[in-house]
Amino acid sequence: MTENEKLESTKKRLIFRSWHRGTREMDLILGSFANSHVDTFTEEELALYDELLQNSDPDLYNWIGGREEIPDGKRNAVMEKVLAHHYATNRKTGSDDR
């Protein structure tokens, strides 16, 4: 498998995992984010996103929704992109979340 094939496989895996979280809310939040951003991520961003997906749905939902502070070790460039995406999506739909 070439390096490019490995990278594409990683992107597909991350997008799949984003849409199949276990809770519908997180499927929608992370799935729409992944569809919009994962294809443009660097290898470093892909690794950060993979780490982000290791967190539980309740933690992610609370952090992204602003219900809890994001722990220092979890706040990075990719988390900032997730927050911006979620905020922009909610502005379009008129949701009060965040």
N, C-alpha and C. Protein backbone atom coordinates (compact mmCIF):
# COMPACT_ATOMS: atom_id res chain seq x y z
N MET A 1 0.86 -1.18 0.00
CA MET A 1 0.00 0.00 0.00
C MET A 1 0.90 1.24 0.00
N THR A 2 0.62 2.16 -0.91
CA THR A 2 1.41 3.38 -1.00
C THR A 2 1.04 4.34 0.14
N GLU A 3 1.86 5.33 0.34
CA GLU A 3 1.60 6.33 1.37
C GLU A 3 0.29 7.07 1.10
N ASN A 4 0.03 7.37 -0.15
CA ASN A 4 -1.21 8.05 -0.52
C ASN A 4 -2.42 7.17 -0.24
N GLU A 5 -2.31 5.88 -0.51
CA GLU A 5 -3.40 4.95 -0.22
C GLU A 5 -3.65 4.84 1.28
N LYS A 6 -2.58 4.85 2.07
CA LYS A 6 -2.72 4.81 3.53
C LYS A 6 -3.45 6.06 4.02
N LEU A 7 -3.07 7.20 3.47
CA LEU A 7 -3.69 8.47 3.85
C LEU A 7 -5.18 8.47 3.50
N GLU A 8 -5.52 8.00 2.32
CA GLU A 8 -6.92 7.94 1.90
C GLU A 8 -7.70 6.95 2.76
N SER A 9 -7.09 5.84 3.11
CA SER A 9 -7.73 4.86 3.99
C SER A 9 -8.00 5.47 5.37
N THR A 10 -7.04 6.21 5.88
CA THR A 10 -7.22 6.88 7.17
C THR A 10 -8.37 7.87 7.10
N LYS A 11 -8.43 8.66 6.05
CA LYS A 11 -9.51 9.64 5.89
C LYS A 11 -10.87 8.96 5.85
N LYS A 12 -10.98 7.88 5.09
CA LYS A 12 -12.25 7.15 5.01
C LYS A 12 -12.65 6.58 6.37
N ARG A 13 -11.67 6.04 7.10
CA ARG A 13 -11.94 5.48 8.42
C ARG A 13 -12.43 6.55 9.38
N LEU A 14 -11.79 7.72 9.35
CA LEU A 14 -12.19 8.80 10.25
C LEU A 14 -13.59 9.33 9.91
N ILE A 15 -13.89 9.44 8.64
CA ILE A 15 -15.23 9.88 8.24
C ILE A 15 -16.26 8.85 8.68
N PHE A 16 -15.98 7.58 8.47
CA PHE A 16 -16.91 6.53 8.91
C PHE A 16 -17.13 6.61 10.42
N ARG A 17 -16.05 6.70 11.19
CA ARG A 17 -16.15 6.77 12.65
C ARG A 17 -16.91 8.01 13.11
N SER A 18 -16.80 9.08 12.35
CA SER A 18 -17.51 10.31 12.70
C SER A 18 -19.01 10.15 12.54
N TRP A 19 -19.43 9.40 11.55
CA TRP A 19 -20.87 9.19 11.29
C TRP A 19 -21.45 8.04 12.11
N HIS A 20 -20.62 7.25 12.75
CA HIS A 20 -21.08 6.08 13.50
C HIS A 20 -20.56 6.11 14.94
N ARG A 21 -20.98 7.14 15.66
CA ARG A 21 -20.51 7.38 17.02
C ARG A 21 -21.28 6.58 18.06
N GLY A 22 -22.56 6.45 17.86
CA GLY A 22 -23.39 5.78 18.86
C GLY A 22 -24.53 6.65 19.34
N THR A 23 -24.35 7.96 19.23
CA THR A 23 -25.46 8.87 19.53
C THR A 23 -25.72 9.71 18.29
N ARG A 24 -26.97 9.90 17.99
CA ARG A 24 -27.35 10.60 16.77
C ARG A 24 -26.81 12.03 16.73
N GLU A 25 -26.84 12.70 17.88
CA GLU A 25 -26.37 14.08 17.93
C GLU A 25 -24.90 14.17 17.50
N MET A 26 -24.08 13.28 18.05
CA MET A 26 -22.66 13.31 17.71
C MET A 26 -22.42 12.82 16.29
N ASP A 27 -23.24 11.89 15.81
CA ASP A 27 -23.14 11.49 14.40
C ASP A 27 -23.31 12.71 13.51
N LEU A 28 -24.31 13.52 13.80
CA LEU A 28 -24.58 14.69 12.97
C LEU A 28 -23.50 15.75 13.09
N ILE A 29 -23.06 16.02 14.32
CA ILE A 29 -22.05 17.05 14.54
C ILE A 29 -20.73 16.65 13.89
N LEU A 30 -20.24 15.46 14.26
CA LEU A 30 -18.92 15.06 13.77
C LEU A 30 -18.95 14.55 12.33
N GLY A 31 -20.06 13.93 11.94
CA GLY A 31 -20.17 13.47 10.55
C GLY A 31 -20.17 14.62 9.57
N SER A 32 -20.95 15.65 9.84
CA SER A 32 -20.97 16.80 8.93
C SER A 32 -19.62 17.51 8.94
N PHE A 33 -18.98 17.58 10.12
CA PHE A 33 -17.65 18.17 10.21
C PHE A 33 -16.66 17.37 9.36
N ALA A 34 -16.66 16.06 9.53
CA ALA A 34 -15.71 15.21 8.80
C ALA A 34 -15.91 15.34 7.29
N ASN A 35 -17.16 15.34 6.86
CA ASN A 35 -17.43 15.48 5.42
C ASN A 35 -16.86 16.79 4.87
N SER A 36 -16.92 17.83 5.67
CA SER A 36 -16.47 19.15 5.22
C SER A 36 -14.96 19.36 5.33
N HIS A 37 -14.28 18.67 6.26
CA HIS A 37 -12.90 19.02 6.56
C HIS A 37 -11.84 17.93 6.40
N VAL A 38 -12.19 16.69 6.62
CA VAL A 38 -11.17 15.64 6.68
C VAL A 38 -10.36 15.54 5.39
N ASP A 39 -10.98 15.70 4.25
CA ASP A 39 -10.24 15.58 2.98
C ASP A 39 -9.13 16.61 2.83
N THR A 40 -9.23 17.73 3.54
CA THR A 40 -8.21 18.78 3.42
C THR A 40 -7.19 18.74 4.56
N PHE A 41 -7.34 17.82 5.50
CA PHE A 41 -6.45 17.76 6.66
C PHE A 41 -5.05 17.28 6.29
N THR A 42 -4.09 17.85 7.01
CA THR A 42 -2.72 17.35 6.93
C THR A 42 -2.64 16.06 7.75
N GLU A 43 -1.51 15.37 7.65
CA GLU A 43 -1.34 14.15 8.45
C GLU A 43 -1.40 14.48 9.94
N GLU A 44 -0.85 15.61 10.35
CA GLU A 44 -0.89 16.01 11.76
C GLU A 44 -2.33 16.26 12.20
N GLU A 45 -3.11 16.94 11.36
CA GLU A 45 -4.51 17.19 11.71
C GLU A 45 -5.31 15.90 11.76
N LEU A 46 -5.01 14.97 10.86
CA LEU A 46 -5.69 13.67 10.89
C LEU A 46 -5.40 12.95 12.21
N ALA A 47 -4.16 13.02 12.67
CA ALA A 47 -3.79 12.38 13.94
C ALA A 47 -4.52 13.05 15.10
N LEU A 48 -4.61 14.38 15.09
CA LEU A 48 -5.33 15.09 16.15
C LEU A 48 -6.82 14.74 16.13
N TYR A 49 -7.38 14.64 14.94
CA TYR A 49 -8.80 14.29 14.83
C TYR A 49 -9.04 12.86 15.31
N ASP A 50 -8.13 11.96 14.96
CA ASP A 50 -8.23 10.58 15.43
C ASP A 50 -8.21 10.54 16.96
N GLU A 51 -7.34 11.33 17.58
CA GLU A 51 -7.30 11.42 19.04
C GLU A 51 -8.61 11.97 19.59
N LEU A 52 -9.15 12.98 18.94
CA LEU A 52 -10.41 13.59 19.38
C LEU A 52 -11.53 12.55 19.38
N LEU A 53 -11.55 11.70 18.37
CA LEU A 53 -12.60 10.69 18.26
C LEU A 53 -12.50 9.61 19.34
N GLN A 54 -11.38 9.56 20.04
CA GLN A 54 -11.21 8.59 21.13
C GLN A 54 -12.03 8.97 22.37
N ASN A 55 -12.46 10.22 22.45
CA ASN A 55 -13.22 10.70 23.60
C ASN A 55 -14.67 10.22 23.53
N SER A 56 -15.30 10.16 24.68
CA SER A 56 -16.68 9.68 24.75
C SER A 56 -17.63 10.72 24.15
N ASP A 57 -18.76 10.23 23.66
CA ASP A 57 -19.77 11.13 23.11
C ASP A 57 -20.26 12.16 24.13
N PRO A 58 -20.55 11.76 25.38
CA PRO A 58 -21.01 12.77 26.34
C PRO A 58 -19.98 13.87 26.57
N ASP A 59 -18.70 13.51 26.66
CA ASP A 59 -17.67 14.54 26.84
C ASP A 59 -17.61 15.46 25.63
N LEU A 60 -17.55 14.88 24.45
CA LEU A 60 -17.48 15.70 23.23
C LEU A 60 -18.70 16.60 23.10
N TYR A 61 -19.86 16.06 23.35
CA TYR A 61 -21.10 16.83 23.25
C TYR A 61 -21.08 18.02 24.21
N ASN A 62 -20.63 17.78 25.42
CA ASN A 62 -20.57 18.87 26.41
C ASN A 62 -19.51 19.90 26.05
N TRP A 63 -18.37 19.47 25.55
CA TRP A 63 -17.32 20.42 25.17
C TRP A 63 -17.75 21.24 23.96
N ILE A 64 -18.25 20.57 22.94
CA ILE A 64 -18.62 21.27 21.70
C ILE A 64 -19.81 22.18 21.94
N GLY A 65 -20.74 21.74 22.77
CA GLY A 65 -21.93 22.54 23.05
C GLY A 65 -21.71 23.64 24.08
N GLY A 66 -20.51 23.71 24.64
CA GLY A 66 -20.19 24.75 25.61
C GLY A 66 -20.75 24.49 27.01
N ARG A 67 -21.16 23.27 27.28
CA ARG A 67 -21.71 22.93 28.59
C ARG A 67 -20.62 22.71 29.62
N GLU A 68 -19.43 22.32 29.15
CA GLU A 68 -18.27 22.10 30.00
C GLU A 68 -17.05 22.71 29.31
N GLU A 69 -16.08 23.13 30.13
CA GLU A 69 -14.82 23.62 29.59
C GLU A 69 -14.07 22.47 28.92
N ILE A 70 -13.44 22.78 27.82
CA ILE A 70 -12.61 21.78 27.14
C ILE A 70 -11.29 21.67 27.92
N PRO A 71 -10.92 20.48 28.34
CA PRO A 71 -9.65 20.33 29.06
C PRO A 71 -8.48 20.83 28.21
N ASP A 72 -7.49 21.41 28.86
CA ASP A 72 -6.34 21.98 28.14
C ASP A 72 -5.71 21.00 27.17
N GLY A 73 -5.55 19.76 27.55
CA GLY A 73 -4.92 18.78 26.68
C GLY A 73 -5.76 18.39 25.47
N LYS A 74 -7.02 18.77 25.47
CA LYS A 74 -7.93 18.41 24.38
C LYS A 74 -8.16 19.57 23.41
N ARG A 75 -7.80 20.77 23.83
CA ARG A 75 -8.03 21.95 23.00
C ARG A 75 -6.82 22.11 22.05
N ASN A 76 -7.08 21.98 20.76
CA ASN A 76 -6.03 22.11 19.75
C ASN A 76 -6.65 22.67 18.47
N ALA A 77 -5.87 22.76 17.42
CA ALA A 77 -6.33 23.37 16.17
C ALA A 77 -7.53 22.63 15.58
N VAL A 78 -7.55 21.32 15.68
CA VAL A 78 -8.68 20.56 15.12
C VAL A 78 -9.93 20.77 15.96
N MET A 79 -9.80 20.78 17.28
CA MET A 79 -10.96 21.05 18.13
C MET A 79 -11.52 22.43 17.83
N GLU A 80 -10.65 23.40 17.59
CA GLU A 80 -11.11 24.75 17.24
C GLU A 80 -11.90 24.72 15.92
N LYS A 81 -11.47 23.91 14.98
CA LYS A 81 -12.20 23.78 13.71
C LYS A 81 -13.56 23.13 13.93
N VAL A 82 -13.61 22.13 14.81
CA VAL A 82 -14.89 21.49 15.13
C VAL A 82 -15.83 22.51 15.76
N LEU A 83 -15.32 23.29 16.69
CA LEU A 83 -16.15 24.32 17.35
C LEU A 83 -16.66 25.34 16.34
N ALA A 84 -15.78 25.80 15.45
CA ALA A 84 -16.18 26.79 14.44
C ALA A 84 -17.23 26.21 13.50
N HIS A 85 -17.05 24.95 13.11
CA HIS A 85 -18.02 24.29 12.22
C HIS A 85 -19.37 24.17 12.91
N HIS A 86 -19.34 23.75 14.17
CA HIS A 86 -20.59 23.60 14.92
C HIS A 86 -21.29 24.94 15.08
N TYR A 87 -20.55 25.97 15.39
CA TYR A 87 -21.12 27.30 15.55
C TYR A 87 -21.73 27.78 14.23
N ALA A 88 -21.00 27.61 13.13
CA ALA A 88 -21.50 28.04 11.82
C ALA A 88 -22.74 27.25 11.42
N THR A 89 -22.75 25.97 11.69
CA THR A 89 -23.91 25.13 11.36
C THR A 89 -25.13 25.58 12.16
N ASN A 90 -24.93 25.86 13.44
CA ASN A 90 -26.05 26.29 14.29
C ASN A 90 -26.57 27.66 13.90
N ARG A 91 -25.70 28.52 13.43
CA ARG A 91 -26.16 29.85 12.97
C ARG A 91 -27.09 29.69 11.77
N LYS A 92 -26.75 28.75 10.89
CA LYS A 92 -27.58 28.51 9.70
C LYS A 92 -28.94 27.94 10.06
N THR A 93 -28.96 27.07 11.08
CA THR A 93 -30.21 26.39 11.44
C THR A 93 -30.98 27.12 12.52
N GLY A 94 -30.36 28.12 13.14
CA GLY A 94 -31.04 28.87 14.19
C GLY A 94 -31.07 28.17 15.52
N SER A 95 -30.22 27.18 15.72
CA SER A 95 -30.19 26.45 16.99
C SER A 95 -29.59 27.31 18.09
N ASP A 96 -30.04 27.10 19.32
CA ASP A 96 -29.52 27.84 20.46
C ASP A 96 -28.25 27.23 21.01
N ASP A 97 -27.91 26.04 20.57
CA ASP A 97 -26.74 25.34 21.10
C ASP A 97 -25.47 26.10 20.75
N ARG A 98 -24.77 26.51 21.76
CA ARG A 98 -23.50 27.21 21.68
C ARG A 98 -23.61 28.56 21.12
